């Protein structure tokens, strides 16, 4: 039997998760947030058809400019890279974005607005 000195005490996790949904142009979307110690990952996909086909990385440079690049998969039209750049600038930290939705100009602004509204209303989750 282990002594009290060797008892394992779990460390609190540096990860928190948050899920919410929204709709645009008659389609439901799922947003999944993984907040880590120094960065955040944002996933956006069609509800009921969640796939992970691309990812972009956004960060803020020392001069304060936001930069982003695609690190996984082809750009499908949702413009994960542009969204990663915008969110990195807003949150002033490293952001991973996986936006896996079809390109459709009418939905895109609503999807982005829903994300921005959630950041404003629940900043602790990002």
C-alpha atoms as a PDB file:
ATOM      1  CA  UNK A   1       0.000   0.000   0.000  1.00  0.00           C
ATOM      2  CA  UNK A   2       1.516   3.402  -0.983  1.00  0.00           C
ATOM      3  CA  UNK A   3       2.403   5.807   1.747  1.00  0.00           C
ATOM      4  CA  UNK A   4       0.793   9.247   1.980  1.00  0.00           C
ATOM      5  CA  UNK A   5       3.998  10.815   0.578  1.00  0.00           C
ATOM      6  CA  UNK A   6       3.541   8.918  -2.714  1.00  0.00           C
ATOM      7  CA  UNK A   7      -0.136   9.670  -3.243  1.00  0.00           C
ATOM      8  CA  UNK A   8      -0.944  11.032  -6.702  1.00  0.00           C
ATOM      9  CA  UNK A   9      -2.683  14.403  -6.811  1.00  0.00           C
ATOM     10  CA  UNK A  10      -3.942  15.338 -10.274  1.00  0.00           C
ATOM     11  CA  UNK A  11      -2.950  18.754 -11.558  1.00  0.00           C
ATOM     12  CA  UNK A  12      -5.767  21.003 -12.810  1.00  0.00           C
ATOM     13  CA  UNK A  13      -5.982  20.906 -16.600  1.00  0.00           C
ATOM     14  CA  UNK A  14      -4.764  23.773 -18.758  1.00  0.00           C
ATOM     15  CA  UNK A  15      -7.505  22.842 -21.260  1.00  0.00           C
ATOM     16  CA  UNK A  16     -11.120  24.000 -21.279  1.00  0.00           C
ATOM     17  CA  UNK A  17     -13.745  23.235 -23.896  1.00  0.00           C
ATOM     18  CA  UNK A  18     -16.802  25.086 -25.059  1.00  0.00           C
ATOM     19  CA  UNK A  19     -19.378  24.138 -27.701  1.00  0.00           C
ATOM     20  CA  UNK A  20     -22.138  26.259 -29.173  1.00  0.00           C
ATOM     21  CA  UNK A  21     -24.149  26.347 -32.376  1.00  0.00           C
ATOM     22  CA  UNK A  22     -25.634  28.853 -34.759  1.00  0.00           C
ATOM     23  CA  UNK A  23     -27.455  28.987 -38.037  1.00  0.00           C
ATOM     24  CA  UNK A  24     -27.010  30.819 -41.308  1.00  0.00           C
ATOM     25  CA  UNK A  25     -28.934  30.493 -44.567  1.00  0.00           C
ATOM     26  CA  UNK A  26     -31.028  27.648 -43.142  1.00  0.00           C
ATOM     27  CA  UNK A  27     -28.002  25.527 -42.147  1.00  0.00           C
ATOM     28  CA  UNK A  28     -26.984  24.731 -38.542  1.00  0.00           C
ATOM     29  CA  UNK A  29     -23.303  25.022 -37.612  1.00  0.00           C
ATOM     30  CA  UNK A  30     -21.365  23.658 -34.652  1.00  0.00           C
ATOM     31  CA  UNK A  31     -18.556  25.650 -33.066  1.00  0.00           C
ATOM     32  CA  UNK A  32     -16.092  23.788 -30.836  1.00  0.00           C
ATOM     33  CA  UNK A  33     -13.548  25.716 -28.797  1.00  0.00           C
ATOM     34  CA  UNK A  34     -10.474  24.246 -27.115  1.00  0.00           C
ATOM     35  CA  UNK A  35      -8.782  26.814 -24.905  1.00  0.00           C
ATOM     36  CA  UNK A  36      -5.221  25.900 -24.005  1.00  0.00           C
ATOM     37  CA  UNK A  37      -2.661  27.641 -21.827  1.00  0.00           C
ATOM     38  CA  UNK A  38      -1.342  30.067 -24.478  1.00  0.00           C
ATOM     39  CA  UNK A  39      -3.541  29.404 -27.509  1.00  0.00           C
ATOM     40  CA  UNK A  40      -7.059  28.549 -28.621  1.00  0.00           C
ATOM     41  CA  UNK A  41      -8.377  26.186 -31.277  1.00  0.00           C
ATOM     42  CA  UNK A  42     -11.674  26.966 -33.008  1.00  0.00           C
ATOM     43  CA  UNK A  43     -13.548  24.401 -35.092  1.00  0.00           C
ATOM     44  CA  UNK A  44     -16.580  25.304 -37.230  1.00  0.00           C
ATOM     45  CA  UNK A  45     -18.513  22.696 -39.194  1.00  0.00           C
ATOM     46  CA  UNK A  46     -21.968  21.793 -40.429  1.00  0.00           C
ATOM     47  CA  UNK A  47     -24.076  20.250 -37.675  1.00  0.00           C
ATOM     48  CA  UNK A  48     -24.438  16.532 -38.353  1.00  0.00           C
ATOM     49  CA  UNK A  49     -21.609  16.566 -40.901  1.00  0.00           C
ATOM     50  CA  UNK A  50     -18.553  17.433 -38.854  1.00  0.00           C
ATOM     51  CA  UNK A  51     -15.319  16.860 -40.742  1.00  0.00           C
ATOM     52  CA  UNK A  52     -11.777  18.033 -40.114  1.00  0.00           C
ATOM     53  CA  UNK A  53     -10.196  18.782 -43.485  1.00  0.00           C
ATOM     54  CA  UNK A  54      -8.204  21.956 -42.939  1.00  0.00           C
ATOM     55  CA  UNK A  55      -6.538  24.079 -40.290  1.00  0.00           C
ATOM     56  CA  UNK A  56      -4.938  27.501 -40.221  1.00  0.00           C
ATOM     57  CA  UNK A  57      -2.704  29.149 -37.641  1.00  0.00           C
ATOM     58  CA  UNK A  58      -3.026  32.830 -36.755  1.00  0.00           C
ATOM     59  CA  UNK A  59      -0.727  34.829 -34.496  1.00  0.00           C
ATOM     60  CA  UNK A  60       0.244  38.382 -33.673  1.00  0.00           C
ATOM     61  CA  UNK A  61       3.770  39.525 -34.482  1.00  0.00           C
ATOM     62  CA  UNK A  62       5.946  41.625 -32.203  1.00  0.00           C
ATOM     63  CA  UNK A  63       4.904  44.696 -34.211  1.00  0.00           C
ATOM     64  CA  UNK A  64       1.227  43.945 -33.496  1.00  0.00           C
ATOM     65  CA  UNK A  65       0.330  42.788 -36.997  1.00  0.00           C
ATOM     66  CA  UNK A  66      -1.722  39.618 -37.317  1.00  0.00           C
ATOM     67  CA  UNK A  67      -0.314  36.872 -39.524  1.00  0.00           C
ATOM     68  CA  UNK A  68      -1.856  33.568 -40.603  1.00  0.00           C
ATOM     69  CA  UNK A  69      -1.063  30.526 -42.689  1.00  0.00           C
ATOM     70  CA  UNK A  70      -2.815  27.312 -43.681  1.00  0.00           C
ATOM     71  CA  UNK A  71      -1.115  24.349 -41.992  1.00  0.00           C
ATOM     72  CA  UNK A  72      -3.396  21.459 -42.979  1.00  0.00           C
ATOM     73  CA  UNK A  73      -5.414  20.684 -46.088  1.00  0.00           C
ATOM     74  CA  UNK A  74      -6.620  22.792 -48.968  1.00  0.00           C
ATOM     75  CA  UNK A  75      -8.471  26.016 -48.416  1.00  0.00           C
ATOM     76  CA  UNK A  76     -12.109  25.010 -48.937  1.00  0.00           C
ATOM     77  CA  UNK A  77     -13.585  28.478 -49.315  1.00  0.00           C
ATOM     78  CA  UNK A  78     -14.425  29.189 -45.684  1.00  0.00           C
ATOM     79  CA  UNK A  79     -11.134  30.983 -45.431  1.00  0.00           C
ATOM     80  CA  UNK A  80      -9.861  29.506 -42.183  1.00  0.00           C
ATOM     81  CA  UNK A  81      -6.699  31.502 -42.721  1.00  0.00           C
ATOM     82  CA  UNK A  82      -8.541  34.850 -42.813  1.00  0.00           C
ATOM     83  CA  UNK A  83     -10.639  33.897 -39.798  1.00  0.00           C
ATOM     84  CA  UNK A  84      -7.524  32.807 -37.865  1.00  0.00           C
ATOM     85  CA  UNK A  85      -5.876  36.139 -38.622  1.00  0.00           C
ATOM     86  CA  UNK A  86      -8.913  38.146 -37.473  1.00  0.00           C
ATOM     87  CA  UNK A  87      -9.398  36.180 -34.255  1.00  0.00           C
ATOM     88  CA  UNK A  88      -5.670  36.255 -33.411  1.00  0.00           C
ATOM     89  CA  UNK A  89      -5.733  40.044 -33.766  1.00  0.00           C
ATOM     90  CA  UNK A  90      -8.848  40.295 -31.562  1.00  0.00           C
ATOM     91  CA  UNK A  91      -7.587  37.939 -28.830  1.00  0.00           C
ATOM     92  CA  UNK A  92      -3.887  38.846 -29.086  1.00  0.00           C
ATOM     93  CA  UNK A  93      -2.756  35.228 -28.958  1.00  0.00           C
ATOM     94  CA  UNK A  94      -2.064  32.198 -31.120  1.00  0.00           C
ATOM     95  CA  UNK A  95      -5.209  30.790 -32.728  1.00  0.00           C
ATOM     96  CA  UNK A  96      -5.829  27.569 -34.654  1.00  0.00           C
ATOM     97  CA  UNK A  97      -8.929  27.596 -36.864  1.00  0.00           C
ATOM     98  CA  UNK A  98     -10.535  24.697 -38.674  1.00  0.00           C
ATOM     99  CA  UNK A  99     -13.478  26.003 -40.659  1.00  0.00           C
ATOM    100  CA  UNK A 100     -14.978  23.154 -42.660  1.00  0.00           C
ATOM    101  CA  UNK A 101     -18.005  24.583 -44.407  1.00  0.00           C
ATOM    102  CA  UNK A 102     -18.831  25.045 -48.084  1.00  0.00           C
ATOM    103  CA  UNK A 103     -18.016  28.382 -49.640  1.00  0.00           C
ATOM    104  CA  UNK A 104     -21.173  30.433 -49.668  1.00  0.00           C
ATOM    105  CA  UNK A 105     -20.917  34.196 -49.516  1.00  0.00           C
ATOM    106  CA  UNK A 106     -24.254  34.691 -47.743  1.00  0.00           C
ATOM    107  CA  UNK A 107     -23.419  32.423 -44.773  1.00  0.00           C
ATOM    108  CA  UNK A 108     -19.839  33.486 -44.153  1.00  0.00           C
ATOM    109  CA  UNK A 109     -20.551  36.860 -42.480  1.00  0.00           C
ATOM    110  CA  UNK A 110     -23.162  35.282 -40.186  1.00  0.00           C
ATOM    111  CA  UNK A 111     -20.792  32.481 -39.173  1.00  0.00           C
ATOM    112  CA  UNK A 112     -18.063  34.996 -38.356  1.00  0.00           C
ATOM    113  CA  UNK A 113     -20.490  37.315 -36.534  1.00  0.00           C
ATOM    114  CA  UNK A 114     -21.782  34.445 -34.396  1.00  0.00           C
ATOM    115  CA  UNK A 115     -18.200  33.606 -33.409  1.00  0.00           C
ATOM    116  CA  UNK A 116     -17.368  37.249 -32.606  1.00  0.00           C
ATOM    117  CA  UNK A 117     -20.554  37.577 -30.533  1.00  0.00           C
ATOM    118  CA  UNK A 118     -19.624  34.464 -28.558  1.00  0.00           C
ATOM    119  CA  UNK A 119     -16.110  35.858 -27.946  1.00  0.00           C
ATOM    120  CA  UNK A 120     -17.680  39.072 -26.622  1.00  0.00           C
ATOM    121  CA  UNK A 121     -20.236  37.251 -24.453  1.00  0.00           C
ATOM    122  CA  UNK A 122     -17.966  34.449 -23.169  1.00  0.00           C
ATOM    123  CA  UNK A 123     -14.364  35.742 -23.342  1.00  0.00           C
ATOM    124  CA  UNK A 124     -13.244  33.345 -20.616  1.00  0.00           C
ATOM    125  CA  UNK A 125     -13.881  30.443 -23.017  1.00  0.00           C
ATOM    126  CA  UNK A 126     -11.375  31.765 -25.573  1.00  0.00           C
END
